[in-house]
Each structure stands twice: as C-alpha cells, then as structure tokens.
PDB file of N, CA and C in Angstrom:
ATOM      1  N   MET A   1     -10.964 -62.783 -55.790  1.00  0.00           N
ATOM      2  CA  MET A   1      -9.878 -62.389 -54.903  1.00  0.00           C
ATOM      3  C   MET A   1      -8.748 -61.823 -55.763  1.00  0.00           C
ATOM      4  N   ASN A   2      -8.227 -60.652 -55.366  1.00  0.00           N
ATOM      5  CA  ASN A   2      -7.159 -60.045 -56.161  1.00  0.00           C
ATOM      6  C   ASN A   2      -5.786 -60.552 -55.712  1.00  0.00           C
ATOM      7  N   LEU A   3      -4.797 -60.299 -56.534  1.00  0.00           N
ATOM      8  CA  LEU A   3      -3.451 -60.826 -56.293  1.00  0.00           C
ATOM      9  C   LEU A   3      -2.842 -60.345 -54.976  1.00  0.00           C
ATOM     10  N   PRO A   4      -2.905 -59.031 -54.646  1.00  0.00           N
ATOM     11  CA  PRO A   4      -2.328 -58.622 -53.350  1.00  0.00           C
ATOM     12  C   PRO A   4      -2.961 -59.331 -52.158  1.00  0.00           C
ATOM     13  N   THR A   5      -4.251 -59.539 -52.201  1.00  0.00           N
ATOM     14  CA  THR A   5      -4.920 -60.243 -51.106  1.00  0.00           C
ATOM     15  C   THR A   5      -4.443 -61.684 -51.029  1.00  0.00           C
ATOM     16  N   LEU A   6      -4.341 -62.320 -52.179  1.00  0.00           N
ATOM     17  CA  LEU A   6      -3.878 -63.696 -52.225  1.00  0.00           C
ATOM     18  C   LEU A   6      -2.443 -63.824 -51.715  1.00  0.00           C
ATOM     19  N   LEU A   7      -1.566 -62.916 -52.129  1.00  0.00           N
ATOM     20  CA  LEU A   7      -0.162 -62.973 -51.711  1.00  0.00           C
ATOM     21  C   LEU A   7       0.025 -62.645 -50.240  1.00  0.00           C
ATOM     22  N   CYS A   8      -0.898 -61.894 -49.657  1.00  0.00           N
ATOM     23  CA  CYS A   8      -0.747 -61.482 -48.262  1.00  0.00           C
ATOM     24  C   CYS A   8      -1.273 -62.517 -47.279  1.00  0.00           C
ATOM     25  N   GLN A   9      -1.941 -63.543 -47.755  1.00  0.00           N
ATOM     26  CA  GLN A   9      -2.397 -64.596 -46.860  1.00  0.00           C
ATOM     27  C   GLN A   9      -1.209 -65.451 -46.430  1.00  0.00           C
ATOM     28  N   ARG A  10      -1.200 -65.805 -45.158  1.00  0.00           N
ATOM     29  CA  ARG A  10      -0.128 -66.664 -44.653  1.00  0.00           C
ATOM     30  C   ARG A  10      -0.316 -68.085 -45.161  1.00  0.00           C
ATOM     31  N   PRO A  11       0.772 -68.752 -45.535  1.00  0.00           N
ATOM     32  CA  PRO A  11       0.669 -70.164 -45.926  1.00  0.00           C
ATOM     33  C   PRO A  11       0.285 -71.026 -44.726  1.00  0.00           C
ATOM     34  N   THR A  12      -0.075 -72.260 -44.995  1.00  0.00           N
ATOM     35  CA  THR A  12      -0.398 -73.202 -43.920  1.00  0.00           C
ATOM     36  C   THR A  12       0.853 -73.446 -43.071  1.00  0.00           C
ATOM     37  N   PRO A  13       0.673 -73.908 -41.835  1.00  0.00           N
ATOM     38  CA  PRO A  13       1.841 -74.180 -40.988  1.00  0.00           C
ATOM     39  C   PRO A  13       2.836 -75.153 -41.622  1.00  0.00           C
ATOM     40  N   LEU A  14       2.338 -76.173 -42.304  1.00  0.00           N
ATOM     41  CA  LEU A  14       3.238 -77.127 -42.943  1.00  0.00           C
ATOM     42  C   LEU A  14       4.046 -76.461 -44.064  1.00  0.00           C
ATOM     43  N   THR A  15       3.396 -75.612 -44.828  1.00  0.00           N
ATOM     44  CA  THR A  15       4.095 -74.881 -45.884  1.00  0.00           C
ATOM     45  C   THR A  15       5.126 -73.929 -45.284  1.00  0.00           C
ATOM     46  N   GLN A  16       4.778 -73.297 -44.168  1.00  0.00           N
ATOM     47  CA  GLN A  16       5.731 -72.405 -43.504  1.00  0.00           C
ATOM     48  C   GLN A  16       6.966 -73.169 -43.040  1.00  0.00           C
ATOM     49  N   ILE A  17       6.768 -74.380 -42.543  1.00  0.00           N
ATOM     50  CA  ILE A  17       7.912 -75.201 -42.126  1.00  0.00           C
ATOM     51  C   ILE A  17       8.788 -75.508 -43.340  1.00  0.00           C
ATOM     52  N   GLY A  18       8.172 -75.817 -44.463  1.00  0.00           N
ATOM     53  CA  GLY A  18       8.930 -76.077 -45.682  1.00  0.00           C
ATOM     54  C   GLY A  18       9.702 -74.856 -46.152  1.00  0.00           C
ATOM     55  N   ILE A  19       9.063 -73.698 -46.093  1.00  0.00           N
ATOM     56  CA  ILE A  19       9.741 -72.458 -46.485  1.00  0.00           C
ATOM     57  C   ILE A  19      10.911 -72.182 -45.550  1.00  0.00           C
ATOM     58  N   TRP A  20      10.688 -72.363 -44.243  1.00  0.00           N
ATOM     59  CA  TRP A  20      11.749 -72.130 -43.256  1.00  0.00           C
ATOM     60  C   TRP A  20      12.931 -73.076 -43.491  1.00  0.00           C
ATOM     61  N   ALA A  21      12.637 -74.343 -43.720  1.00  0.00           N
ATOM     62  CA  ALA A  21      13.708 -75.319 -43.965  1.00  0.00           C
ATOM     63  C   ALA A  21      14.469 -74.989 -45.247  1.00  0.00           C
ATOM     64  N   ALA A  22      13.748 -74.647 -46.297  1.00  0.00           N
ATOM     65  CA  ALA A  22      14.403 -74.291 -47.563  1.00  0.00           C
ATOM     66  C   ALA A  22      15.262 -73.045 -47.400  1.00  0.00           C
ATOM     67  N   ALA A  23      14.780 -72.079 -46.639  1.00  0.00           N
ATOM     68  CA  ALA A  23      15.549 -70.844 -46.418  1.00  0.00           C
ATOM     69  C   ALA A  23      16.805 -71.116 -45.607  1.00  0.00           C
ATOM     70  N   MET A  24      16.705 -71.990 -44.603  1.00  0.00           N
ATOM     71  CA  MET A  24      17.883 -72.330 -43.792  1.00  0.00           C
ATOM     72  C   MET A  24      18.923 -73.060 -44.639  1.00  0.00           C
ATOM     73  N   VAL A  25      18.471 -74.024 -45.432  1.00  0.00           N
ATOM     74  CA  VAL A  25      19.395 -74.769 -46.288  1.00  0.00           C
ATOM     75  C   VAL A  25      20.026 -73.839 -47.313  1.00  0.00           C
ATOM     76  N   THR A  26      19.223 -72.978 -47.917  1.00  0.00           N
ATOM     77  CA  THR A  26      19.746 -72.034 -48.909  1.00  0.00           C
ATOM     78  C   THR A  26      20.784 -71.112 -48.287  1.00  0.00           C
ATOM     79  N   THR A  27      20.499 -70.605 -47.106  1.00  0.00           N
ATOM     80  CA  THR A  27      21.450 -69.717 -46.431  1.00  0.00           C
ATOM     81  C   THR A  27      22.747 -70.461 -46.120  1.00  0.00           C
ATOM     82  N   GLY A  28      22.634 -71.693 -45.667  1.00  0.00           N
ATOM     83  CA  GLY A  28      23.834 -72.496 -45.408  1.00  0.00           C
ATOM     84  C   GLY A  28      24.643 -72.745 -46.670  1.00  0.00           C
ATOM     85  N   LEU A  29      23.953 -73.058 -47.769  1.00  0.00           N
ATOM     86  CA  LEU A  29      24.646 -73.279 -49.038  1.00  0.00           C
ATOM     87  C   LEU A  29      25.328 -72.007 -49.544  1.00  0.00           C
ATOM     88  N   VAL A  30      24.647 -70.880 -49.413  1.00  0.00           N
ATOM     89  CA  VAL A  30      25.249 -69.619 -49.837  1.00  0.00           C
ATOM     90  C   VAL A  30      26.473 -69.307 -48.980  1.00  0.00           C
ATOM     91  N   GLY A  31      26.379 -69.571 -47.672  1.00  0.00           N
ATOM     92  CA  GLY A  31      27.535 -69.372 -46.800  1.00  0.00           C
ATOM     93  C   GLY A  31      28.703 -70.255 -47.211  1.00  0.00           C
ATOM     94  N   TYR A  32      28.402 -71.495 -47.548  1.00  0.00           N
ATOM     95  CA  TYR A  32      29.446 -72.412 -47.999  1.00  0.00           C
ATOM     96  C   TYR A  32      30.050 -71.935 -49.324  1.00  0.00           C
ATOM     97  N   LEU A  33      29.191 -71.537 -50.258  1.00  0.00           N
ATOM     98  CA  LEU A  33      29.702 -71.019 -51.536  1.00  0.00           C
ATOM     99  C   LEU A  33      30.566 -69.783 -51.333  1.00  0.00           C
ATOM    100  N   ARG A  34      30.177 -68.951 -50.375  1.00  0.00           N
ATOM    101  CA  ARG A  34      30.981 -67.756 -50.078  1.00  0.00           C
ATOM    102  C   ARG A  34      32.356 -68.152 -49.560  1.00  0.00           C
ATOM    103  N   MET A  35      32.415 -69.206 -48.783  1.00  0.00           N
ATOM    104  CA  MET A  35      33.696 -69.639 -48.217  1.00  0.00           C
ATOM    105  C   MET A  35      34.630 -70.216 -49.274  1.00  0.00           C
ATOM    106  N   ILE A  36      34.085 -70.863 -50.287  1.00  0.00           N
ATOM    107  CA  ILE A  36      34.950 -71.498 -51.286  1.00  0.00           C
ATOM    108  C   ILE A  36      35.158 -70.631 -52.525  1.00  0.00           C
ATOM    109  N   SER A  37      34.515 -69.488 -52.595  1.00  0.00           N
ATOM    110  CA  SER A  37      34.647 -68.603 -53.758  1.00  0.00           C
ATOM    111  C   SER A  37      35.751 -67.579 -53.534  1.00  0.00           C
ATOM    112  N   PRO A  38      36.337 -67.088 -54.614  1.00  0.00           N
ATOM    113  CA  PRO A  38      37.312 -66.003 -54.461  1.00  0.00           C
ATOM    114  C   PRO A  38      36.661 -64.764 -53.843  1.00  0.00           C
ATOM    115  N   ALA A  39      37.459 -63.962 -53.189  1.00  0.00           N
ATOM    116  CA  ALA A  39      36.950 -62.793 -52.461  1.00  0.00           C
ATOM    117  C   ALA A  39      36.289 -61.769 -53.370  1.00  0.00           C
ATOM    118  N   ALA A  40      36.573 -61.775 -54.650  1.00  0.00           N
ATOM    119  CA  ALA A  40      36.020 -60.766 -55.566  1.00  0.00           C
ATOM    120  C   ALA A  40      34.527 -60.940 -55.816  1.00  0.00           C
ATOM    121  N   TYR A  41      33.980 -62.116 -55.534  1.00  0.00           N
ATOM    122  CA  TYR A  41      32.555 -62.361 -55.791  1.00  0.00           C
ATOM    123  C   TYR A  41      31.705 -61.811 -54.657  1.00  0.00           C
ATOM    124  N   GLU A  42      30.596 -61.184 -55.029  1.00  0.00           N
ATOM    125  CA  GLU A  42      29.673 -60.614 -54.049  1.00  0.00           C
ATOM    126  C   GLU A  42      28.459 -61.523 -53.895  1.00  0.00           C
ATOM    127  N   PHE A  43      27.985 -61.648 -52.689  1.00  0.00           N
ATOM    128  CA  PHE A  43      26.886 -62.550 -52.385  1.00  0.00           C
ATOM    129  C   PHE A  43      25.714 -61.851 -51.701  1.00  0.00           C
ATOM    130  N   HIS A  44      25.636 -60.535 -51.802  1.00  0.00           N
ATOM    131  CA  HIS A  44      24.591 -59.780 -51.106  1.00  0.00           C
ATOM    132  C   HIS A  44      23.192 -60.296 -51.434  1.00  0.00           C
ATOM    133  N   LEU A  45      22.884 -60.397 -52.717  1.00  0.00           N
ATOM    134  CA  LEU A  45      21.548 -60.795 -53.137  1.00  0.00           C
ATOM    135  C   LEU A  45      21.238 -62.229 -52.729  1.00  0.00           C
ATOM    136  N   LEU A  46      22.226 -63.100 -52.785  1.00  0.00           N
ATOM    137  CA  LEU A  46      21.986 -64.498 -52.449  1.00  0.00           C
ATOM    138  C   LEU A  46      21.696 -64.701 -50.965  1.00  0.00           C
ATOM    139  N   PHE A  47      22.225 -63.849 -50.107  1.00  0.00           N
ATOM    140  CA  PHE A  47      21.871 -63.906 -48.691  1.00  0.00           C
ATOM    141  C   PHE A  47      20.535 -63.214 -48.437  1.00  0.00           C
ATOM    142  N   LEU A  48      20.217 -62.227 -49.241  1.00  0.00           N
ATOM    143  CA  LEU A  48      19.008 -61.430 -49.027  1.00  0.00           C
ATOM    144  C   LEU A  48      17.732 -62.194 -49.400  1.00  0.00           C
ATOM    145  N   LEU A  49      17.746 -62.953 -50.474  1.00  0.00           N
ATOM    146  CA  LEU A  49      16.527 -63.593 -50.971  1.00  0.00           C
ATOM    147  C   LEU A  49      15.852 -64.536 -49.962  1.00  0.00           C
ATOM    148  N   PRO A  50      16.577 -65.439 -49.299  1.00  0.00           N
ATOM    149  CA  PRO A  50      15.893 -66.285 -48.316  1.00  0.00           C
ATOM    150  C   PRO A  50      15.322 -65.484 -47.144  1.00  0.00           C
ATOM    151  N   VAL A  51      16.039 -64.449 -46.730  1.00  0.00           N
ATOM    152  CA  VAL A  51      15.556 -63.603 -45.629  1.00  0.00           C
ATOM    153  C   VAL A  51      14.245 -62.929 -46.029  1.00  0.00           C
ATOM    154  N   LEU A  52      14.184 -62.420 -47.253  1.00  0.00           N
ATOM    155  CA  LEU A  52      12.968 -61.763 -47.717  1.00  0.00           C
ATOM    156  C   LEU A  52      11.816 -62.757 -47.861  1.00  0.00           C
ATOM    157  N   ALA A  53      12.106 -63.952 -48.333  1.00  0.00           N
ATOM    158  CA  ALA A  53      11.049 -64.966 -48.460  1.00  0.00           C
ATOM    159  C   ALA A  53      10.461 -65.306 -47.095  1.00  0.00           C
ATOM    160  N   VAL A  54      11.308 -65.432 -46.099  1.00  0.00           N
ATOM    161  CA  VAL A  54      10.825 -65.742 -44.748  1.00  0.00           C
ATOM    162  C   VAL A  54      10.047 -64.556 -44.177  1.00  0.00           C
ATOM    163  N   ALA A  55      10.522 -63.346 -44.419  1.00  0.00           N
ATOM    164  CA  ALA A  55       9.803 -62.163 -43.929  1.00  0.00           C
ATOM    165  C   ALA A  55       8.411 -62.085 -44.536  1.00  0.00           C
ATOM    166  N   TRP A  56       8.284 -62.418 -45.797  1.00  0.00           N
ATOM    167  CA  TRP A  56       6.993 -62.307 -46.472  1.00  0.00           C
ATOM    168  C   TRP A  56       6.047 -63.446 -46.096  1.00  0.00           C
ATOM    169  N   PHE A  57       6.540 -64.675 -46.123  1.00  0.00           N
ATOM    170  CA  PHE A  57       5.653 -65.821 -45.974  1.00  0.00           C
ATOM    171  C   PHE A  57       5.526 -66.342 -44.546  1.00  0.00           C
ATOM    172  N   ILE A  58       6.471 -66.006 -43.657  1.00  0.00           N
ATOM    173  CA  ILE A  58       6.381 -66.536 -42.289  1.00  0.00           C
ATOM    174  C   ILE A  58       6.176 -65.373 -41.318  1.00  0.00           C
ATOM    175  N   ASN A  59       7.265 -64.750 -40.873  1.00  0.00           N
ATOM    176  CA  ASN A  59       7.132 -63.557 -40.026  1.00  0.00           C
ATOM    177  C   ASN A  59       8.484 -62.876 -39.860  1.00  0.00           C
ATOM    178  N   LEU A  60       8.440 -61.703 -39.291  1.00  0.00           N
ATOM    179  CA  LEU A  60       9.645 -60.879 -39.149  1.00  0.00           C
ATOM    180  C   LEU A  60      10.643 -61.479 -38.159  1.00  0.00           C
ATOM    181  N   SER A  61      10.157 -62.097 -37.095  1.00  0.00           N
ATOM    182  CA  SER A  61      11.104 -62.644 -36.113  1.00  0.00           C
ATOM    183  C   SER A  61      11.922 -63.796 -36.707  1.00  0.00           C
ATOM    184  N   ARG A  62      11.283 -64.657 -37.485  1.00  0.00           N
ATOM    185  CA  ARG A  62      12.032 -65.728 -38.146  1.00  0.00           C
ATOM    186  C   ARG A  62      12.999 -65.157 -39.181  1.00  0.00           C
ATOM    187  N   ALA A  63      12.564 -64.133 -39.909  1.00  0.00           N
ATOM    188  CA  ALA A  63      13.454 -63.497 -40.883  1.00  0.00           C
ATOM    189  C   ALA A  63      14.656 -62.872 -40.181  1.00  0.00           C
ATOM    190  N   SER A  64      14.442 -62.324 -39.001  1.00  0.00           N
ATOM    191  CA  SER A  64      15.547 -61.729 -38.241  1.00  0.00           C
ATOM    192  C   SER A  64      16.540 -62.801 -37.796  1.00  0.00           C
ATOM    193  N   MET A  65      16.027 -63.949 -37.359  1.00  0.00           N
ATOM    194  CA  MET A  65      16.917 -65.056 -36.984  1.00  0.00           C
ATOM    195  C   MET A  65      17.740 -65.518 -38.182  1.00  0.00           C
ATOM    196  N   LEU A  66      17.091 -65.609 -39.332  1.00  0.00           N
ATOM    197  CA  LEU A  66      17.800 -66.028 -40.538  1.00  0.00           C
ATOM    198  C   LEU A  66      18.832 -64.984 -40.957  1.00  0.00           C
ATOM    199  N   ALA A  67      18.504 -63.702 -40.779  1.00  0.00           N
ATOM    200  CA  ALA A  67      19.445 -62.636 -41.107  1.00  0.00           C
ATOM    201  C   ALA A  67      20.694 -62.731 -40.229  1.00  0.00           C
ATOM    202  N   VAL A  68      20.505 -63.018 -38.955  1.00  0.00           N
ATOM    203  CA  VAL A  68      21.651 -63.165 -38.050  1.00  0.00           C
ATOM    204  C   VAL A  68      22.501 -64.356 -38.481  1.00  0.00           C
ATOM    205  N   LEU A  69      21.875 -65.474 -38.814  1.00  0.00           N
ATOM    206  CA  LEU A  69      22.621 -66.638 -39.296  1.00  0.00           C
ATOM    207  C   LEU A  69      23.398 -66.293 -40.563  1.00  0.00           C
ATOM    208  N   ALA A  70      22.756 -65.603 -41.489  1.00  0.00           N
ATOM    209  CA  ALA A  70      23.417 -65.229 -42.744  1.00  0.00           C
ATOM    210  C   ALA A  70      24.632 -64.342 -42.479  1.00  0.00           C
ATOM    211  N   VAL A  71      24.484 -63.395 -41.586  1.00  0.00           N
ATOM    212  CA  VAL A  71      25.592 -62.472 -41.302  1.00  0.00           C
ATOM    213  C   VAL A  71      26.730 -63.187 -40.584  1.00  0.00           C
ATOM    214  N   VAL A  72      26.411 -64.115 -39.704  1.00  0.00           N
ATOM    215  CA  VAL A  72      27.466 -64.887 -39.035  1.00  0.00           C
ATOM    216  C   VAL A  72      28.237 -65.710 -40.062  1.00  0.00           C
ATOM    217  N   LEU A  73      27.511 -66.389 -40.956  1.00  0.00           N
ATOM    218  CA  LEU A  73      28.182 -67.159 -42.010  1.00  0.00           C
ATOM    219  C   LEU A  73      29.019 -66.251 -42.905  1.00  0.00           C
ATOM    220  N   TRP A  74      28.486 -65.107 -43.229  1.00  0.00           N
ATOM    221  CA  TRP A  74      29.183 -64.134 -44.071  1.00  0.00           C
ATOM    222  C   TRP A  74      30.470 -63.674 -43.380  1.00  0.00           C
ATOM    223  N   TYR A  75      30.373 -63.367 -42.090  1.00  0.00           N
ATOM    224  CA  TYR A  75      31.528 -62.943 -41.307  1.00  0.00           C
ATOM    225  C   TYR A  75      32.606 -64.034 -41.296  1.00  0.00           C
ATOM    226  N   LEU A  76      32.193 -65.280 -41.022  1.00  0.00           N
ATOM    227  CA  LEU A  76      33.155 -66.377 -40.988  1.00  0.00           C
ATOM    228  C   LEU A  76      33.816 -66.584 -42.346  1.00  0.00           C
ATOM    229  N   ALA A  77      33.047 -66.446 -43.403  1.00  0.00           N
ATOM    230  CA  ALA A  77      33.611 -66.592 -44.751  1.00  0.00           C
ATOM    231  C   ALA A  77      34.623 -65.479 -45.037  1.00  0.00           C
ATOM    232  N   GLU A  78      34.301 -64.266 -44.660  1.00  0.00           N
ATOM    233  CA  GLU A  78      35.222 -63.150 -44.882  1.00  0.00           C
ATOM    234  C   GLU A  78      36.520 -63.356 -44.097  1.00  0.00           C
ATOM    235  N   ARG A  79      36.406 -63.840 -42.872  1.00  0.00           N
ATOM    236  CA  ARG A  79      37.610 -64.111 -42.075  1.00  0.00           C
ATOM    237  C   ARG A  79      38.462 -65.181 -42.734  1.00  0.00           C
ATOM    238  N   GLN A  80      37.804 -66.221 -43.247  1.00  0.00           N
ATOM    239  CA  GLN A  80      38.544 -67.308 -43.892  1.00  0.00           C
ATOM    240  C   GLN A  80      39.178 -66.832 -45.189  1.00  0.00           C
ATOM    241  N   LEU A  81      38.444 -66.065 -45.987  1.00  0.00           N
ATOM    242  CA  LEU A  81      38.949 -65.614 -47.284  1.00  0.00           C
ATOM    243  C   LEU A  81      40.145 -64.688 -47.155  1.00  0.00           C
ATOM    244  N   THR A  82      40.163 -63.910 -46.089  1.00  0.00           N
ATOM    245  CA  THR A  82      41.274 -62.982 -45.906  1.00  0.00           C
ATOM    246  C   THR A  82      42.397 -63.601 -45.088  1.00  0.00           C
ATOM    247  N   GLY A  83      42.195 -64.830 -44.628  1.00  0.00           N
ATOM    248  CA  GLY A  83      43.219 -65.497 -43.842  1.00  0.00           C
ATOM    249  C   GLY A  83      43.484 -64.806 -42.517  1.00  0.00           C
ATOM    250  N   GLY A  84      42.496 -64.091 -42.027  1.00  0.00           N
ATOM    251  CA  GLY A  84      42.660 -63.356 -40.781  1.00  0.00           C
ATOM    252  C   GLY A  84      43.496 -62.108 -40.953  1.00  0.00           C
ATOM    253  N   GLY A  85      43.850 -61.775 -42.215  1.00  0.00           N
ATOM    254  CA  GLY A  85      44.698 -60.621 -42.465  1.00  0.00           C
ATOM    255  C   GLY A  85      43.959 -59.289 -42.456  1.00  0.00           C
ATOM    256  N   LEU A  86      42.652 -59.333 -42.590  1.00  0.00           N
ATOM    257  CA  LEU A  86      41.866 -58.100 -42.585  1.00  0.00           C
ATOM    258  C   LEU A  86      41.742 -57.603 -41.155  1.00  0.00           C
ATOM    259  N   GLU A  87      41.881 -56.301 -40.989  1.00  0.00           N
ATOM    260  CA  GLU A  87      41.747 -55.737 -39.653  1.00  0.00           C
ATOM    261  C   GLU A  87      40.352 -56.015 -39.109  1.00  0.00           C
ATOM    262  N   ARG A  88      40.289 -56.224 -37.836  1.00  0.00           N
ATOM    263  CA  ARG A  88      39.010 -56.581 -37.214  1.00  0.00           C
ATOM    264  C   ARG A  88      38.007 -55.434 -37.274  1.00  0.00           C
ATOM    265  N   GLY A  89      38.442 -54.201 -37.181  1.00  0.00           N
ATOM    266  CA  GLY A  89      37.541 -53.045 -37.201  1.00  0.00           C
ATOM    267  C   GLY A  89      36.700 -52.969 -38.477  1.00  0.00           C
ATOM    268  N   PRO A  90      37.332 -52.946 -39.654  1.00  0.00           N
ATOM    269  CA  PRO A  90      36.528 -52.907 -40.887  1.00  0.00           C
ATOM    270  C   PRO A  90      35.634 -54.130 -41.062  1.00  0.00           C
ATOM    271  N   LEU A  91      36.114 -55.283 -40.631  1.00  0.00           N
ATOM    272  CA  LEU A  91      35.308 -56.494 -40.764  1.00  0.00           C
ATOM    273  C   LEU A  91      34.061 -56.417 -39.889  1.00  0.00           C
ATOM    274  N   LEU A  92      34.212 -55.953 -38.666  1.00  0.00           N
ATOM    275  CA  LEU A  92      33.055 -55.793 -37.783  1.00  0.00           C
ATOM    276  C   LEU A  92      32.116 -54.699 -38.285  1.00  0.00           C
ATOM    277  N   PHE A  93      32.677 -53.611 -38.794  1.00  0.00           N
ATOM    278  CA  PHE A  93      31.864 -52.533 -39.350  1.00  0.00           C
ATOM    279  C   PHE A  93      31.015 -53.058 -40.508  1.00  0.00           C
ATOM    280  N   ASN A  94      31.641 -53.793 -41.424  1.00  0.00           N
ATOM    281  CA  ASN A  94      30.910 -54.370 -42.557  1.00  0.00           C
ATOM    282  C   ASN A  94      29.843 -55.355 -42.091  1.00  0.00           C
ATOM    283  N   THR A  95      30.153 -56.122 -41.064  1.00  0.00           N
ATOM    284  CA  THR A  95      29.200 -57.096 -40.539  1.00  0.00           C
ATOM    285  C   THR A  95      27.976 -56.398 -39.957  1.00  0.00           C
ATOM    286  N   VAL A  96      28.178 -55.339 -39.210  1.00  0.00           N
ATOM    287  CA  VAL A  96      27.055 -54.584 -38.642  1.00  0.00           C
ATOM    288  C   VAL A  96      26.209 -53.969 -39.753  1.00  0.00           C
ATOM    289  N   LEU A  97      26.852 -53.421 -40.786  1.00  0.00           N
ATOM    290  CA  LEU A  97      26.100 -52.856 -41.907  1.00  0.00           C
ATOM    291  C   LEU A  97      25.318 -53.936 -42.654  1.00  0.00           C
ATOM    292  N   ARG A  98      25.907 -55.091 -42.832  1.00  0.00           N
ATOM    293  CA  ARG A  98      25.197 -56.186 -43.508  1.00  0.00           C
ATOM    294  C   ARG A  98      23.983 -56.622 -42.704  1.00  0.00           C
ATOM    295  N   LEU A  99      24.155 -56.719 -41.393  1.00  0.00           N
ATOM    296  CA  LEU A  99      23.018 -57.087 -40.551  1.00  0.00           C
ATOM    297  C   LEU A  99      21.922 -56.027 -40.648  1.00  0.00           C
ATOM    298  N   GLY A 100      22.318 -54.774 -40.616  1.00  0.00           N
ATOM    299  CA  GLY A 100      21.335 -53.693 -40.761  1.00  0.00           C
ATOM    300  C   GLY A 100      20.612 -53.751 -42.097  1.00  0.00           C
ATOM    301  N   MET A 101      21.358 -54.066 -43.163  1.00  0.00           N
ATOM    302  CA  MET A 101      20.752 -54.163 -44.492  1.00  0.00           C
ATOM    303  C   MET A 101      19.719 -55.291 -44.534  1.00  0.00           C
ATOM    304  N   LEU A 102      20.083 -56.462 -44.034  1.00  0.00           N
ATOM    305  CA  LEU A 102      19.166 -57.596 -44.065  1.00  0.00           C
ATOM    306  C   LEU A 102      17.951 -57.373 -43.167  1.00  0.00           C
ATOM    307  N   LEU A 103      18.184 -56.869 -41.961  1.00  0.00           N
ATOM    308  CA  LEU A 103      17.065 -56.618 -41.051  1.00  0.00           C
ATOM    309  C   LEU A 103      16.156 -55.511 -41.576  1.00  0.00           C
ATOM    310  N   GLY A 104      16.744 -54.465 -42.134  1.00  0.00           N
ATOM    311  CA  GLY A 104      15.944 -53.368 -42.686  1.00  0.00           C
ATOM    312  C   GLY A 104      15.092 -53.812 -43.862  1.00  0.00           C
ATOM    313  N   ALA A 105      15.670 -54.603 -44.742  1.00  0.00           N
ATOM    314  CA  ALA A 105      14.917 -55.095 -45.898  1.00  0.00           C
ATOM    315  C   ALA A 105      13.788 -56.021 -45.448  1.00  0.00           C
ATOM    316  N   ALA A 106      14.059 -56.886 -44.479  1.00  0.00           N
ATOM    317  CA  ALA A 106      13.021 -57.790 -43.966  1.00  0.00           C
ATOM    318  C   ALA A 106      11.902 -56.988 -43.298  1.00  0.00           C
ATOM    319  N   TRP A 107      12.256 -55.987 -42.525  1.00  0.00           N
ATOM    320  CA  TRP A 107      11.249 -55.155 -41.854  1.00  0.00           C
ATOM    321  C   TRP A 107      10.381 -54.429 -42.871  1.00  0.00           C
ATOM    322  N   LEU A 108      11.011 -53.843 -43.889  1.00  0.00           N
ATOM    323  CA  LEU A 108      10.239 -53.137 -44.914  1.00  0.00           C
ATOM    324  C   LEU A 108       9.281 -54.075 -45.652  1.00  0.00           C
ATOM    325  N   LEU A 109       9.751 -55.263 -46.001  1.00  0.00           N
ATOM    326  CA  LEU A 109       8.890 -56.201 -46.713  1.00  0.00           C
ATOM    327  C   LEU A 109       7.747 -56.685 -45.820  1.00  0.00           C
ATOM    328  N   ASP A 110       8.023 -56.903 -44.553  1.00  0.00           N
ATOM    329  CA  ASP A 110       6.980 -57.304 -43.612  1.00  0.00           C
ATOM    330  C   ASP A 110       5.916 -56.216 -43.497  1.00  0.00           C
ATOM    331  N   ARG A 111       6.342 -54.963 -43.377  1.00  0.00           N
ATOM    332  CA  ARG A 111       5.389 -53.837 -43.299  1.00  0.00           C
ATOM    333  C   ARG A 111       4.570 -53.728 -44.585  1.00  0.00           C
ATOM    334  N   LEU A 112       5.205 -53.948 -45.728  1.00  0.00           N
ATOM    335  CA  LEU A 112       4.493 -53.882 -47.004  1.00  0.00           C
ATOM    336  C   LEU A 112       3.430 -54.971 -47.078  1.00  0.00           C
ATOM    337  N   ARG A 113       3.772 -56.192 -46.663  1.00  0.00           N
ATOM    338  CA  ARG A 113       2.799 -57.281 -46.682  1.00  0.00           C
ATOM    339  C   ARG A 113       1.620 -56.963 -45.777  1.00  0.00           C
ATOM    340  N   ILE A 114       1.899 -56.435 -44.594  1.00  0.00           N
ATOM    341  CA  ILE A 114       0.828 -56.074 -43.662  1.00  0.00           C
ATOM    342  C   ILE A 114      -0.052 -54.975 -44.271  1.00  0.00           C
ATOM    343  N   ARG A 115       0.573 -53.977 -44.850  1.00  0.00           N
ATOM    344  CA  ARG A 115      -0.175 -52.855 -45.456  1.00  0.00           C
ATOM    345  C   ARG A 115      -1.045 -53.320 -46.617  1.00  0.00           C
ATOM    346  N   LEU A 116      -0.493 -54.164 -47.460  1.00  0.00           N
ATOM    347  CA  LEU A 116      -1.265 -54.681 -48.586  1.00  0.00           C
ATOM    348  C   LEU A 116      -2.419 -55.563 -48.113  1.00  0.00           C
ATOM    349  N   GLY A 117      -2.203 -56.288 -47.052  1.00  0.00           N
ATOM    350  CA  GLY A 117      -3.235 -57.166 -46.513  1.00  0.00           C
ATOM    351  C   GLY A 117      -4.412 -56.410 -45.929  1.00  0.00           C
ATOM    352  N   LYS A 118      -4.215 -55.158 -45.526  1.00  0.00           N
ATOM    353  CA  LYS A 118      -5.278 -54.365 -44.928  1.00  0.00           C
ATOM    354  C   LYS A 118      -6.109 -53.595 -45.941  1.00  0.00           C
ATOM    355  N   GLN A 119      -5.663 -53.578 -47.193  1.00  0.00           N
ATOM    356  CA  GLN A 119      -6.417 -52.843 -48.215  1.00  0.00           C
ATOM    357  C   GLN A 119      -7.702 -53.578 -48.543  1.00  0.00           C
ATOM    358  N   PRO A 120      -8.772 -52.813 -48.821  1.00  0.00           N
ATOM    359  CA  PRO A 120     -10.050 -53.458 -49.159  1.00  0.00           C
ATOM    360  C   PRO A 120     -10.015 -54.132 -50.511  1.00  0.00           C
TER     361      PRO A 120
END
C-alpha cells in the first residue's frame, strides 16, 4: 500500500472523535491566546491547522463548523483587543475574509484527499 492511499483512508470512528475533540480544544486555546496576546501577533496559521486536520481526517462539514467557531473566536478577540474602538465595517470585512480563507483551504484539502484516494 502506498502512502497516498494510506493517508486517504478515513480513521476509525473513535479516532475521528479524538481528532474532533483535539481540534475543538486547540481552536478554543488559540482563541484564548488571541484574546490575551497583544494585537501585533498574528494567529492565521494556528486557526488554520485544526481546520485542515478535520477536513483531511473527518469531513468537510465538520471542518466548516470548526472554521465558523474559529472565526467567531477570532472576531471576539479582535473586538476585545481593540476595546471596541475599531470600526465595525473593517472588522466585519476581515471576519468574512477569514471565514472564506478557512473554508476555502478546508474545501481544497478535502478535494485533494478525495482525488488522491481515487488514484490507482
């Protein structure tokens, strides 16, 4: 069995539950770290990694739910960090772009896993 075939197999249901729980906890921790960190720090990759892991090992719908949770936490952290001083328009614009980035990356990775799984 080659590596792409092995990586494209879905884990057992119990393993998927573990991955989902770890991704939820990681996303929550990253959201918390974002809230207590100075505004100059960027957290794009730290929110992206759990979403991508869920997209690859579980499914796209769960990854989408996690992406929405990540963006909500990100939005709340940005509001807290700016003390509500940031205009709502740019904050909402950034939030929509972040959601698009996370959902797009999850969709692409899901399609790649499916494509690799179909190769002989």
